[in-house]
């Protein structure tokens, strides 16, 4: 049973002590960097500089730690107002809010691979925001099946982008953006100079779009998909 009724002082003799929020925040930090599998009670205690026994004064078990971390991540998301009359701008702002959230804790996004989350652990805000976005798409003029199609497409694109582009870029501080993720690194082509791949060699001479430019294109595909559904429905 969750220990949400437990209370502990924020400080003791002028020094900060553990709180459930501190525990959840550290767990989310670990998950964002290494995935949820990196979170054990022993590893978490070491990161916080406390004993494992101290953790159990605030949480019942590891699952509660995971729930705290996920709850903090979901409540950190602050999606914009969605206006069906200016739906293209709303879709863009919504996608940007997800991108901002995802790049804060990229490896935490793989929770579905790392954890077997019980239904009760799903944060209500996740359901509320999904319902809100689907309602917005229906107000734009999409059927519910079409709205679900758009949601799935957008969710997969932004998730992949966060892990494959933003995460790599954010780990490459000091590297020129145009050289961060070329389609094919020059050393690969040099190593395989005997291969007959003329189109790929020509493609490698084009500049690599910046992450922001790539994300703008990504959002454009979602907007194009919505337009297609609107035309099809007429």
Protein backbone atom coordinates (compact mmCIF):
# COMPACT_ATOMS: atom_id res chain seq x y z
CA UNK A 1 0.00 0.00 0.00
CA UNK A 2 1.32 3.47 -0.87
CA UNK A 3 2.77 5.42 2.03
CA UNK A 4 1.40 8.79 0.88
CA UNK A 5 0.19 9.57 4.40
CA UNK A 6 3.67 9.48 5.87
CA UNK A 7 5.10 12.85 6.84
CA UNK A 8 8.71 13.75 7.43
CA UNK A 9 10.23 17.18 8.15
CA UNK A 10 12.04 18.88 5.27
CA UNK A 11 14.96 19.73 7.53
CA UNK A 12 16.47 18.41 10.73
CA UNK A 13 18.72 20.66 12.79
CA UNK A 14 18.98 23.01 9.83
CA UNK A 15 20.10 20.29 7.41
CA UNK A 16 17.98 18.94 4.54
CA UNK A 17 16.75 15.39 4.88
CA UNK A 18 14.96 12.95 2.61
CA UNK A 19 11.47 13.56 1.27
CA UNK A 20 9.38 11.52 -1.14
CA UNK A 21 9.80 14.24 -3.76
CA UNK A 22 13.59 14.15 -3.42
CA UNK A 23 13.56 10.37 -3.79
CA UNK A 24 11.30 10.53 -6.85
CA UNK A 25 13.35 13.31 -8.45
CA UNK A 26 16.61 11.40 -8.03
CA UNK A 27 15.02 8.23 -9.41
CA UNK A 28 13.74 10.17 -12.43
CA UNK A 29 17.20 11.65 -12.96
CA UNK A 30 18.69 8.15 -12.94
CA UNK A 31 16.01 6.82 -15.29
CA UNK A 32 16.48 9.74 -17.65
CA UNK A 33 20.19 9.01 -17.94
CA UNK A 34 20.32 5.21 -17.78
CA UNK A 35 16.75 3.90 -17.94
CA UNK A 36 14.50 2.58 -15.20
CA UNK A 37 16.46 -0.65 -14.98
CA UNK A 38 19.27 1.35 -13.39
CA UNK A 39 17.07 2.05 -10.37
CA UNK A 40 17.60 -0.34 -7.51
CA UNK A 41 17.10 0.58 -3.89
CA UNK A 42 20.82 0.17 -3.30
CA UNK A 43 21.81 2.33 -6.29
CA UNK A 44 19.24 4.97 -5.38
CA UNK A 45 20.46 5.10 -1.79
CA UNK A 46 24.03 5.50 -2.99
CA UNK A 47 23.05 8.37 -5.28
CA UNK A 48 21.29 10.10 -2.40
CA UNK A 49 24.07 9.41 0.07
CA UNK A 50 21.81 7.53 2.49
CA UNK A 51 21.26 3.96 3.60
CA UNK A 52 18.75 1.64 1.97
CA UNK A 53 16.97 1.46 5.31
CA UNK A 54 16.47 5.23 5.23
CA UNK A 55 14.61 4.95 1.94
CA UNK A 56 12.11 2.56 3.45
CA UNK A 57 11.08 5.26 5.91
CA UNK A 58 9.47 7.05 2.97
CA UNK A 59 8.48 4.41 0.42
CA UNK A 60 7.18 0.87 0.65
CA UNK A 61 9.18 -0.66 -2.17
CA UNK A 62 10.87 -0.07 -5.52
CA UNK A 63 7.53 0.05 -7.36
CA UNK A 64 6.52 3.06 -5.31
CA UNK A 65 9.80 4.75 -6.25
CA UNK A 66 9.05 4.12 -9.94
CA UNK A 67 5.54 5.50 -9.51
CA UNK A 68 6.92 8.64 -7.86
CA UNK A 69 9.41 9.17 -10.69
CA UNK A 70 6.80 8.67 -13.43
CA UNK A 71 4.38 10.96 -11.60
CA UNK A 72 6.98 13.72 -11.49
CA UNK A 73 7.70 13.33 -15.20
CA UNK A 74 4.03 13.44 -16.21
CA UNK A 75 3.17 16.41 -13.99
CA UNK A 76 6.20 18.29 -15.35
CA UNK A 77 4.49 18.34 -18.75
CA UNK A 78 2.68 21.60 -19.35
CA UNK A 79 0.93 21.29 -22.72
CA UNK A 80 -0.46 24.44 -24.34
CA UNK A 81 -4.05 25.42 -24.85
CA UNK A 82 -5.46 23.76 -27.96
CA UNK A 83 -7.50 25.95 -30.30
CA UNK A 84 -9.38 24.19 -33.13
CA UNK A 85 -9.65 27.54 -34.96
CA UNK A 86 -5.84 27.72 -35.15
CA UNK A 87 -5.21 24.02 -35.19
CA UNK A 88 -1.90 24.02 -37.09
CA UNK A 89 -0.30 26.32 -34.52
CA UNK A 90 -1.82 24.25 -31.71
CA UNK A 91 -0.45 20.99 -33.14
CA UNK A 92 2.99 22.61 -33.45
CA UNK A 93 2.92 23.96 -29.89
CA UNK A 94 1.69 20.61 -28.54
CA UNK A 95 4.49 18.73 -30.33
CA UNK A 96 7.08 21.20 -29.06
CA UNK A 97 5.85 20.75 -25.48
CA UNK A 98 6.28 16.97 -25.81
CA UNK A 99 9.74 17.41 -27.31
CA UNK A 100 10.76 19.65 -24.42
CA UNK A 101 9.52 17.08 -21.89
CA UNK A 102 11.10 14.10 -23.61
CA UNK A 103 14.56 15.60 -23.97
CA UNK A 104 14.72 16.27 -20.22
CA UNK A 105 14.61 12.54 -19.39
CA UNK A 106 15.18 10.66 -22.68
CA UNK A 107 15.87 7.14 -21.44
CA UNK A 108 12.95 7.30 -19.04
CA UNK A 109 10.77 7.14 -22.15
CA UNK A 110 11.68 3.46 -22.48
CA UNK A 111 9.73 2.58 -19.34
CA UNK A 112 7.50 0.21 -21.32
CA UNK A 113 10.60 -1.88 -22.06
CA UNK A 114 12.04 -1.63 -18.56
CA UNK A 115 8.99 -2.06 -16.34
CA UNK A 116 5.79 -4.07 -16.05
CA UNK A 117 3.61 -1.22 -14.84
CA UNK A 118 0.33 -2.23 -13.16
CA UNK A 119 -2.76 -0.35 -14.43
CA UNK A 120 -3.17 1.47 -11.12
CA UNK A 121 0.25 3.07 -11.56
CA UNK A 122 -0.75 4.95 -14.73
CA UNK A 123 -0.78 8.63 -13.84
CA UNK A 124 -4.23 10.28 -14.31
CA UNK A 125 -2.68 13.25 -16.11
CA UNK A 126 -1.52 10.96 -18.89
CA UNK A 127 -5.11 9.89 -19.56
CA UNK A 128 -6.52 13.40 -19.19
CA UNK A 129 -4.09 14.93 -21.67
CA UNK A 130 -4.64 12.15 -24.21
CA UNK A 131 -8.41 12.62 -23.97
CA UNK A 132 -7.93 16.37 -24.37
CA UNK A 133 -5.80 15.99 -27.51
CA UNK A 134 -8.23 13.53 -29.10
CA UNK A 135 -11.15 15.86 -28.31
CA UNK A 136 -9.21 18.71 -29.95
CA UNK A 137 -8.66 16.68 -33.13
CA UNK A 138 -12.34 15.81 -33.27
CA UNK A 139 -13.19 19.52 -32.89
CA UNK A 140 -10.88 20.19 -35.86
CA UNK A 141 -13.09 17.85 -37.89
CA UNK A 142 -11.49 14.41 -37.63
CA UNK A 143 -13.39 11.24 -36.83
CA UNK A 144 -12.26 9.38 -33.74
CA UNK A 145 -10.47 6.66 -35.77
CA UNK A 146 -8.64 9.41 -37.71
CA UNK A 147 -7.77 11.23 -34.49
CA UNK A 148 -6.33 8.01 -33.07
CA UNK A 149 -4.32 7.52 -36.27
CA UNK A 150 -2.81 11.02 -35.94
CA UNK A 151 -2.06 10.54 -32.25
CA UNK A 152 -0.26 7.24 -32.85
CA UNK A 153 1.75 8.69 -35.70
CA UNK A 154 2.77 11.79 -33.76
CA UNK A 155 3.61 9.87 -30.58
CA UNK A 156 5.89 7.46 -32.45
CA UNK A 157 7.63 10.23 -34.38
CA UNK A 158 8.36 12.38 -31.34
CA UNK A 159 9.48 9.41 -29.24
CA UNK A 160 11.89 8.28 -31.97
CA UNK A 161 13.12 11.83 -32.49
CA UNK A 162 13.78 12.33 -28.78
CA UNK A 163 15.88 9.17 -28.59
CA UNK A 164 17.61 9.17 -31.99
CA UNK A 165 18.19 12.89 -32.60
CA UNK A 166 17.78 15.08 -29.53
CA UNK A 167 19.43 12.64 -27.12
CA UNK A 168 22.45 12.20 -29.38
CA UNK A 169 22.67 15.94 -30.00
CA UNK A 170 22.40 16.83 -26.33
CA UNK A 171 25.26 14.44 -25.59
CA UNK A 172 27.46 16.08 -28.22
CA UNK A 173 28.06 19.53 -26.73
CA UNK A 174 30.68 21.50 -28.59
CA UNK A 175 30.20 19.64 -31.88
CA UNK A 176 29.00 21.69 -34.82
CA UNK A 177 25.32 20.94 -35.45
CA UNK A 178 25.85 20.34 -39.15
CA UNK A 179 28.36 17.58 -38.38
CA UNK A 180 26.54 15.82 -35.56
CA UNK A 181 24.54 13.22 -37.43
CA UNK A 182 25.37 12.96 -41.14
CA UNK A 183 23.42 10.42 -43.13
CA UNK A 184 26.59 8.41 -43.63
CA UNK A 185 29.86 9.38 -41.89
CA UNK A 186 32.68 10.19 -44.30
CA UNK A 187 34.88 7.52 -42.73
CA UNK A 188 32.35 4.84 -43.68
CA UNK A 189 32.46 5.88 -47.32
CA UNK A 190 36.24 6.06 -47.27
CA UNK A 191 36.52 2.63 -45.68
CA UNK A 192 34.27 1.17 -48.40
CA UNK A 193 35.58 3.13 -51.37
CA UNK A 194 35.16 0.05 -53.57
CA UNK A 195 31.36 -0.03 -53.15
CA UNK A 196 29.21 1.15 -56.06
CA UNK A 197 26.88 3.49 -54.15
CA UNK A 198 26.82 6.70 -56.24
CA UNK A 199 23.50 8.03 -54.93
CA UNK A 200 24.57 7.61 -51.34
CA UNK A 201 27.88 9.34 -52.03
CA UNK A 202 26.06 12.24 -53.65
CA UNK A 203 23.62 12.41 -50.72
CA UNK A 204 26.53 12.64 -48.28
CA UNK A 205 27.59 15.96 -49.83
CA UNK A 206 24.37 17.69 -48.79
CA UNK A 207 24.37 19.57 -45.46
CA UNK A 208 22.70 17.84 -42.55
CA UNK A 209 19.62 19.69 -41.26
CA UNK A 210 19.82 20.92 -37.68
CA UNK A 211 17.70 19.11 -35.08
CA UNK A 212 15.26 22.04 -35.01
CA UNK A 213 14.91 21.90 -38.79
CA UNK A 214 14.34 18.16 -38.68
CA UNK A 215 11.70 18.56 -35.97
CA UNK A 216 9.91 21.22 -37.99
CA UNK A 217 9.73 18.74 -40.87
CA UNK A 218 8.44 16.06 -38.51
CA UNK A 219 5.62 18.29 -37.27
CA UNK A 220 4.87 19.17 -40.89
CA UNK A 221 4.18 15.51 -41.65
CA UNK A 222 1.65 15.37 -38.81
CA UNK A 223 -0.09 18.50 -40.09
CA UNK A 224 -0.12 17.03 -43.61
CA UNK A 225 -1.69 13.85 -42.22
CA UNK A 226 -4.45 15.87 -40.54
CA UNK A 227 -5.13 17.77 -43.76
CA UNK A 228 -5.38 14.45 -45.63
CA UNK A 229 -7.94 13.14 -43.13
CA UNK A 230 -9.95 16.35 -43.44
CA UNK A 231 -10.00 16.13 -47.24
CA UNK A 232 -10.93 12.45 -47.12
CA UNK A 233 -13.83 13.12 -44.75
CA UNK A 234 -15.46 15.64 -47.11
